[in-house]
Protein backbone atom coordinates (compact mmCIF):
# COMPACT_ATOMS: atom_id res chain seq x y z
CA MET A 1 17.56 -162.99 91.24
CA ARG A 2 15.85 -166.12 89.70
CA GLN A 3 17.51 -169.41 90.09
CA ALA A 4 17.48 -172.05 87.54
CA MET A 5 19.80 -175.19 87.67
CA PRO A 6 21.38 -176.25 84.49
CA GLU A 7 19.40 -178.96 82.62
CA LEU A 8 20.37 -181.33 80.12
CA PRO A 9 20.70 -178.32 77.31
CA GLU A 10 22.97 -176.62 79.52
CA VAL A 11 25.41 -179.48 80.10
CA GLU A 12 25.32 -180.53 76.30
CA THR A 13 26.03 -176.70 75.20
CA ILE A 14 29.20 -176.97 77.94
CA ARG A 15 30.16 -180.45 76.57
CA ARG A 16 29.91 -179.15 72.90
CA GLN A 17 32.34 -176.37 73.51
CA LEU A 18 34.93 -178.12 74.99
CA LEU A 19 35.43 -180.63 72.79
CA PRO A 20 37.09 -178.65 70.32
CA LEU A 21 39.02 -176.52 72.90
CA TYR A 22 40.36 -178.99 75.19
CA ARG A 23 40.15 -182.58 73.35
CA GLY A 24 43.94 -183.95 73.09
CA GLU A 25 45.14 -181.96 76.00
CA ILE A 26 47.38 -183.39 78.15
CA PHE A 27 47.14 -182.32 81.95
CA ARG A 28 49.93 -180.75 83.83
CA GLU A 29 48.14 -180.64 87.34
CA ILE A 30 44.82 -180.62 88.77
CA ARG A 31 43.95 -178.86 91.83
CA LEU A 32 40.64 -178.94 94.16
CA SER A 33 39.94 -176.54 96.41
CA ALA A 34 39.32 -177.28 100.26
CA LEU A 35 35.56 -177.25 99.62
CA ALA A 36 35.56 -178.81 96.58
CA ALA A 37 32.35 -181.38 97.03
CA LEU A 38 33.82 -184.83 96.35
CA GLN A 39 31.78 -187.57 96.01
CA ASN A 40 33.31 -190.50 95.65
CA CYS A 41 37.49 -189.84 95.91
CA ARG A 42 40.03 -187.81 97.60
CA ALA A 43 41.86 -184.71 96.13
CA GLU A 44 44.69 -186.77 96.01
CA ASP A 45 43.18 -188.99 93.76
CA PHE A 46 43.01 -186.30 91.26
CA GLN A 47 47.26 -186.60 90.52
CA ARG A 48 46.73 -189.65 88.54
CA LEU A 49 45.17 -187.14 85.82
CA ALA A 50 48.59 -185.79 85.50
CA GLY A 51 50.20 -186.95 82.01
CA LYS A 52 46.89 -188.30 80.86
CA ARG A 53 45.35 -186.96 77.87
CA ILE A 54 41.55 -185.97 77.24
CA ASP A 55 40.43 -187.93 74.66
CA ASP A 56 36.49 -187.04 75.17
CA PHE A 57 33.80 -185.56 76.79
CA HIS A 58 30.59 -187.09 76.97
CA ARG A 59 27.17 -186.25 78.63
CA ARG A 60 24.53 -188.59 80.71
CA GLY A 61 21.83 -186.90 81.86
CA LYS A 62 22.92 -183.69 83.97
CA PHE A 63 26.30 -185.33 84.48
CA LEU A 64 29.64 -184.06 82.36
CA ILE A 65 32.00 -187.01 82.24
CA PHE A 66 35.60 -186.54 81.00
CA GLU A 67 37.21 -189.28 79.24
CA CYS A 68 40.93 -189.31 80.04
CA GLN A 69 42.89 -192.46 78.83
CA GLY A 70 40.98 -194.57 81.52
CA ILE A 71 40.09 -191.88 84.16
CA TYR A 72 36.91 -190.66 83.87
CA PRO A 73 36.49 -187.44 85.99
CA VAL A 74 32.68 -186.63 86.35
CA PHE A 75 31.19 -182.77 86.95
CA HIS A 76 27.29 -182.39 88.22
CA LEU A 77 27.09 -178.64 88.11
CA GLY A 78 24.35 -178.29 90.75
CA MET A 79 22.74 -175.15 90.96
CA SER A 80 25.42 -172.84 90.12
CA GLY A 81 28.50 -174.87 88.54
CA ILE A 82 30.38 -173.32 85.36
CA PHE A 83 33.75 -173.82 83.78
CA LEU A 84 35.64 -171.04 82.46
CA LYS A 85 38.91 -170.87 80.41
CA SER A 86 40.44 -168.15 82.40
CA LYS A 87 40.61 -167.61 85.92
CA ALA A 88 40.72 -163.68 84.99
CA GLU A 89 37.32 -164.39 83.52
CA SER A 90 35.64 -165.25 87.48
CA LEU A 91 33.59 -162.67 89.12
CA TYR A 92 33.78 -164.90 92.32
CA PRO A 93 37.55 -166.68 92.19
CA GLN A 94 36.82 -167.80 95.51
CA HIS A 95 34.42 -169.92 94.65
CA ILE A 96 36.87 -171.74 92.07
CA HIS A 97 36.76 -175.38 93.07
CA ALA A 98 38.98 -177.49 90.29
CA GLU A 99 41.67 -175.74 88.49
CA MET A 100 42.74 -177.60 85.57
CA ARG A 101 46.38 -176.78 83.89
CA PHE A 102 47.59 -178.25 80.69
CA LYS A 103 50.90 -179.14 79.00
CA SER A 104 50.07 -176.76 76.14
CA GLY A 105 49.44 -173.76 78.98
CA LYS A 106 45.75 -173.67 78.00
CA GLU A 107 43.92 -173.85 81.76
CA LEU A 108 39.95 -174.72 82.89
CA PHE A 109 38.42 -173.82 85.96
CA PHE A 110 35.25 -175.04 87.58
CA GLN A 111 33.39 -172.75 89.59
CA ASP A 112 30.52 -173.16 91.74
CA MET A 113 29.08 -170.66 94.02
CA ARG A 114 26.17 -172.30 95.72
CA ARG A 115 28.19 -175.88 96.27
CA PHE A 116 25.56 -177.87 95.12
CA GLY A 117 27.36 -179.59 92.56
CA ASN A 118 30.16 -182.45 92.85
CA ILE A 119 32.86 -183.79 91.18
CA ARG A 120 33.42 -187.76 91.06
CA LEU A 121 36.35 -189.93 89.65
CA TYR A 122 36.06 -193.34 88.25
CA SER A 123 38.47 -195.82 86.73
CA GLU A 124 35.77 -197.40 84.20
CA PHE A 125 33.50 -195.47 82.23
CA PRO A 126 30.34 -194.37 84.63
CA GLN A 127 27.05 -196.16 84.11
CA PHE A 128 24.99 -194.41 86.37
CA PRO A 129 22.44 -197.26 87.22
CA GLY A 130 20.12 -195.01 89.01
CA LEU A 131 19.35 -192.57 85.87
CA GLY A 132 16.71 -193.32 83.33
CA ILE A 133 17.04 -192.93 79.49
CA ASP A 134 18.72 -190.12 77.76
CA PRO A 135 16.13 -188.35 75.56
CA LEU A 136 18.39 -187.24 73.11
CA GLY A 137 20.21 -190.90 72.74
CA ALA A 138 19.24 -193.61 70.64
CA GLU A 139 17.74 -195.38 73.46
CA PHE A 140 14.87 -192.68 73.51
CA THR A 141 12.08 -194.75 71.60
CA ALA A 142 8.18 -194.40 71.58
CA GLY A 143 7.84 -197.84 72.79
CA ARG A 144 10.04 -197.05 76.07
CA LEU A 145 8.43 -193.86 76.81
CA ASN A 146 4.82 -195.23 76.27
CA ALA A 147 5.86 -198.50 78.37
CA LEU A 148 6.97 -195.77 81.47
CA LEU A 149 4.31 -193.97 81.07
CA ALA A 150 1.78 -196.88 81.11
CA ALA A 151 3.52 -198.20 84.26
CA LYS A 152 3.68 -194.98 86.28
CA LYS A 153 0.35 -193.31 88.14
CA MET A 154 1.79 -189.85 88.33
CA ASN A 155 1.12 -186.21 87.15
CA LEU A 156 3.30 -185.84 83.91
CA LYS A 157 5.13 -182.84 85.37
CA GLN A 158 6.48 -185.03 88.38
CA PHE A 159 7.43 -187.99 85.91
CA LEU A 160 9.10 -185.61 83.32
CA MET A 161 11.22 -184.10 86.32
CA ASP A 162 11.92 -187.65 87.66
CA GLN A 163 15.82 -188.95 86.83
CA ARG A 164 14.97 -192.49 87.17
CA TYR A 165 12.80 -192.55 84.24
CA ILE A 166 14.15 -189.66 81.79
CA ALA A 167 17.43 -188.31 82.78
CA GLY A 168 18.05 -184.69 82.18
CA ILE A 169 14.67 -182.75 82.38
CA GLY A 170 14.32 -180.12 85.05
CA ASN A 171 11.66 -177.17 85.81
CA ILE A 172 12.46 -175.31 83.12
CA TYR A 173 11.96 -177.62 79.95
CA ALA A 174 9.32 -179.76 81.94
CA SER A 175 7.24 -176.78 81.65
CA GLU A 176 8.21 -176.00 78.27
CA ILE A 177 7.70 -179.82 76.92
CA LEU A 178 4.04 -179.90 78.27
CA PHE A 179 3.19 -176.83 76.50
CA ARG A 180 4.30 -177.86 73.38
CA ALA A 181 2.54 -181.28 73.42
CA ARG A 182 -0.54 -178.83 74.80
CA LEU A 183 -0.76 -181.35 77.95
CA SER A 184 -1.83 -180.36 81.36
CA PRO A 185 0.98 -180.54 84.00
CA ARG A 186 -1.75 -182.02 86.35
CA ARG A 187 -2.51 -185.03 83.56
CA LYS A 188 -1.53 -188.74 84.76
CA THR A 189 0.75 -190.58 82.78
CA HIS A 190 -1.47 -193.65 82.74
CA GLU A 191 -4.30 -192.02 81.31
CA LEU A 192 -3.15 -190.46 78.26
CA LYS A 193 -4.50 -191.31 74.74
CA SER A 194 -1.90 -192.92 72.03
CA ARG A 195 -2.32 -189.32 70.56
CA GLU A 196 -0.99 -187.82 73.72
CA ARG A 197 2.03 -190.23 73.98
CA ALA A 198 2.82 -189.53 70.55
CA ALA A 199 2.64 -185.51 71.12
CA LEU A 200 4.91 -185.87 74.23
CA PHE A 201 7.34 -188.14 72.59
CA GLN A 202 7.59 -185.68 69.88
CA ALA A 203 8.19 -182.52 72.33
CA ILE A 204 10.50 -184.16 74.37
CA PRO A 205 13.49 -183.98 72.12
CA ALA A 206 12.18 -181.31 70.17
CA ILE A 207 12.46 -178.81 73.37
CA LEU A 208 15.49 -180.19 74.45
CA ALA A 209 17.39 -179.83 70.84
CA SER A 210 16.19 -176.61 70.38
CA ALA A 211 17.47 -174.98 73.76
CA VAL A 212 20.86 -176.88 72.79
CA GLU A 213 20.99 -174.97 69.50
CA ASN A 214 20.37 -171.79 71.51
CA PHE A 215 23.34 -172.56 74.04
CA GLY A 216 20.83 -173.04 77.04
CA THR A 217 18.62 -170.98 79.42
CA THR A 218 20.53 -168.44 81.45
CA TYR A 219 18.63 -166.92 84.49
CA SER A 220 20.82 -166.95 87.21
CA ALA A 221 24.77 -168.36 87.26
CA TYR A 222 24.81 -170.33 84.08
CA ARG A 223 27.17 -169.30 81.41
CA THR A 224 28.61 -171.02 78.47
CA VAL A 225 32.43 -171.80 78.45
CA THR A 226 32.86 -168.70 76.15
CA GLY A 227 31.75 -166.89 79.17
CA GLU A 228 28.33 -165.74 77.46
CA SER A 229 24.74 -166.34 78.62
CA GLY A 230 22.66 -168.57 76.77
CA GLU A 231 20.05 -167.30 74.28
CA ASN A 232 17.18 -170.03 75.01
CA GLN A 233 14.88 -167.71 77.93
CA HIS A 234 14.08 -165.60 74.58
CA PHE A 235 11.93 -168.16 73.10
CA LEU A 236 10.41 -169.95 76.24
CA GLN A 237 6.69 -169.99 75.68
CA VAL A 238 5.56 -170.54 79.10
CA TYR A 239 8.48 -170.73 82.01
CA GLN A 240 8.76 -167.26 83.98
CA ARG A 241 5.66 -166.06 82.11
CA GLU A 242 3.31 -165.84 84.64
CA GLY A 243 0.33 -163.30 83.87
CA GLU A 244 1.50 -163.02 80.69
CA PRO A 245 -0.52 -163.64 77.59
CA CYS A 246 -0.01 -167.15 75.82
CA HIS A 247 1.43 -167.26 72.61
CA ARG A 248 -1.26 -169.39 71.15
CA CYS A 249 -4.40 -168.43 72.71
CA GLY A 250 -3.93 -164.94 74.39
CA ARG A 251 -4.92 -166.31 77.53
CA ALA A 252 -2.91 -165.31 80.88
CA ILE A 253 -0.32 -167.94 81.63
CA ILE A 254 -0.50 -169.42 84.64
CA LYS A 255 1.90 -170.06 87.51
CA THR A 256 1.18 -173.32 90.54
CA VAL A 257 3.00 -174.94 92.24
CA MET A 258 3.67 -178.54 92.12
CA GLY A 259 6.13 -181.17 94.25
CA SER A 260 7.34 -177.95 95.96
CA ARG A 261 8.53 -176.60 92.58
CA SER A 262 7.05 -173.78 90.10
CA THR A 263 5.04 -174.84 87.12
CA PHE A 264 3.74 -172.96 84.20
CA TYR A 265 1.10 -173.44 81.94
CA CYS A 266 -1.67 -172.10 79.45
CA GLU A 267 -5.35 -173.70 81.41
CA LYS A 268 -7.11 -173.34 77.42
CA CYS A 269 -4.01 -174.58 75.31
CA GLN A 270 -3.03 -177.24 78.15
CA ARG A 271 -5.61 -180.05 78.51
């Protein structure tokens, strides 16, 4: 089975689906399994959520943030994290690591088969100082991107996937962004011409926003909150299309390994 880590579009899809379903819900209890991957807290700390209302859901890069009247549970989905409205929907209930029950009778479950995800708890809105700019946020401007590109001396694929610079882009969307911008993944950040920087600035939010509209990309474990697969895999131009014809020029898509990660691109269209 192909493995793909949930990236910004998948987390944003989940956030948008949770909002109408759970905003305003009041916690009755939250139970964590003994195997729950807790980062900065203990399981008993989550008892503070009892009686608290969910006021909002936020996303920062690949992190999903629950805003609960001054308490902020944060989930990172890792490789296989998903949220389920019902335990009966789970094919692997032994891998459910957080069970949230609300006074209305609603429930929400966090399942993570591979346990690369984690759960955190904050008393203030988390700032994530190590994360870069959010490419779907107001802080993502041409000026900030150009400054980052000029200051670094690395290949574009490595740059796009480094969470210290731009938060939320992983392997799937880095390849898709570079194809849309017609840039080789091997190009160096500081060597881009003005028109190439402009093309990259346009491609980043365009590819990510389109994937959100398509409910994310499903290759392995990822499912939406409603239990359905994403649809964006049907619209990918280069990712996982090794040997297939480029939709622009007809030349075969190339697969190579860069920084231990698979990279897909068209040698003719991307320069």
